[in-house]
Amino acid sequence: MPALVNYGGDDECYPGVSFYPSPMDLDGLLPSSSHVDLYFRPSKRARIGAPVVFGGRAIEQVCKPSIEALPDECLFEIFRHLHSTKERSSCAGVSKRWLMLLSTIRKVEICKSNRASINPLVERLNVVQKKPESDEISDHEDESNGFLTRCLEGKKATDVRLAAIAVGTSGRGGLGKLSIRGSNSTRGVTNLGISAIAHGCPSLRMLSLWNVPSVGDEGLFEIAKECHLLEKLDLCHCPSISDKGLIAIAERCTNLTSLIIESCPNIGNEGLQAIGKSCSKLQTISIRDCPRVGDQGVSSLFASSTCAITKVKIQAMNITDFSLAVIGHYGRAITHLNLSGLQNVSEKGFWVMGSAKGLKKLTSLTIASCRGMTDVSLEAMGKGIANLKQMCIQKCCFVSDNGLIAFARTAGSLETLQLEECNRITLLGIGGALSNHIRNLKSLTLVKCMGIKDIAEEVTLPSLCTSLRSLSIQNCPGFGSASLSMVGTLCPQLQHVELIGLYSITDASMLPLLETCEGLVKVNLSGCVNLTDETISTLVRLHGGTIEVLNLDRCRKITDASLVAIADACLSLNELDVSKCAITDAGLAVLSSSEQINLQVLSLSGCSEVSNKSLPFLERLGKSLVGLNLKNCHSISSGTVGMIIEDLWRCDILV
């Protein structure tokens, strides 16, 4: 395999060596035909040695003939007559000058004919040591499939590395995906490197540029000109790219299916209008924090009758009610919609979007940090979006119990509901929505909803919610014993329960939930610091035959007694997390001695009482383990950790 594959992009140049015993041999560099079209590139002329005068006498300099003395335009003409990718890769490994010249040659500029006349040249240019036949690149290998993926990050992202990728990947399936994250501070990626990729990688299908301030429209011009197969383009923090570059992509890369634009201050309405006009295959669009993009640009994406966009994400944009009205009327193909930080959209905009009834295929809707999201607009969405299955509302301070219950009445297809930091939602709203209306709801998640608090008086619940299978309550400090008792009574068919960071939950409040549910499969009680071994004993007694995942992270009152109960009753347990619990070596001894336990993942992170004595117990458990977490187990010495790693070599161990 040519040396180029491992080319690191260093700045050192390796001087060329003369391949010819006499200057006359340079004649072999040019084709024998007198009718040849040469490619002349702008370049400085090569300096010609002149006589040096010492003491009145002219002494002729002795210059050894070298191919390095040729100007760039001559080398370019030579290189484009190299027939195979192996020969070009060999030449690219000679010096950075040769590499950069080779990276400027387009596929269409490579001469494929008259191979017999240039064979002597190829033999003289093949200066890299020949590898075994198994590592060689076939001359007939398909170069346009785009199988390869390359990612450059930080200081490794330079023009030289991109040139090496452009030359080296052409004979190994072709480059299909390129991701550049960040840029070298002194020798960062510029238009030159992007042009090299465009010239050498016409098979490119996905390009991602993050934080590359030196790449501008010129680089995108070359990509648009050469990479007509481009399907996905991701531009993030690219201040030098403007509408001109995006227009070029729209006009020539008509196969574009995905476009992501984030924090690009010079991209505006004109670029998006060109995308909407020319890219009829576009399916995914994501725009964030682009101040020059307004209603004209966003609405133009959906106004076309051939619009096929299915996934839309619009965040922190200066759009108004007009854009949402267009989406509501013409977003017929949209299945996933995410709207976040739209401060200029009022209640009317969301109401029109829901009432227009054009979002017939929409199944997933996320709305975050939007002041226009109110009870009225939420009810309109429930009425107008008939096939909505997933709804996520985050940080919408004007949504209350009335809007939630009204939405639940009309959203008949809803299966997943997530409410995050909606502080006007109370336990009455949750209970009313569950017991009366949402008949198909399978999953409910509440995160940091400060309005949810225990209710002193008893609440009458008309009916049970038998469809709910998954309940997640995270970091809601007011969610206590009364709240959990109500939910447990209301939802008897729960299989997945997450109660995370609920300090008010006690053993007594867990009992109704555990007794009501028929067969829990996944239970996460992490951060419930007031739970004791009594809860775990009840859990495994009632659900030991079905539970597969149990997370007790940071439950500090959980001791070895829980491990004893788990070892006796949990027949199907696959994952167990007892991080920062009061677990000791004795508990692990009991757990490892159980013949019915078949753990695959075990986490003991922060268990300070687990020591070197647990080595044989961990080795016994390791027969089935694929993951083991021993981070911050300070009582286990480094020598013991080394023995565990050596013995459990099939297991992924965190230390």
Foldseek 3Di string as FASTA:
>chain_A
DFPLVPDQLDQDWADFDALDPDPVVCVLLDFPDPDDDFDDDDWDQQDDFDWDDDPNDTDGDDDDDHPVSDILSSLLRSLLADQALQLLSQLLVNTLSSLLSSLLAAPVSRDHPPNVSCVVVSVSSNPTDDDPPVPDFDRPAQQQQAPDEDEAEEASAALSNLSSCLSVSRRVRAHAYYAYAYARPPGTDALSSLLSNLRRGLNYAEYAYEHRQRYELSSLLSNLVRNLNHAYYHAENHQRYALNSLLSNQVRNLNHAEYHYYQHQRYEQNSLLSNLVRNLNHAYYAYYDHARYELNSLLSNQPDPSRQHAEYHYEQYAYELNSLLSCLQRVQNHAEYEYYNHARYALNSLLNSLQNLNPANHAEYEYEDYQRDALNSLLSNLARHANHAYYEYYHHAHYALNSLLSSQARNANYAYYEYYQNQRYELVSVLNSQQPGHQQHAEYEYYQRQNYAADPDDDDRPGANANYAEYAYEPHARCALRSLLSNLVRYQAYAHYHDYQHQRYALVSCVSNQVRHQEHAHYADANNQHYALSNLLSNLVRHLDRYAYYHHHNNARYELSSLLSNLVRRQRHAEYEQENYQYALVSLVNNLPRPRDQYAEYEHHNNQRYALSNLVSLLSNLVRYQEYEHHNNVRYDPVSVVVSCVSSVNHHYHD
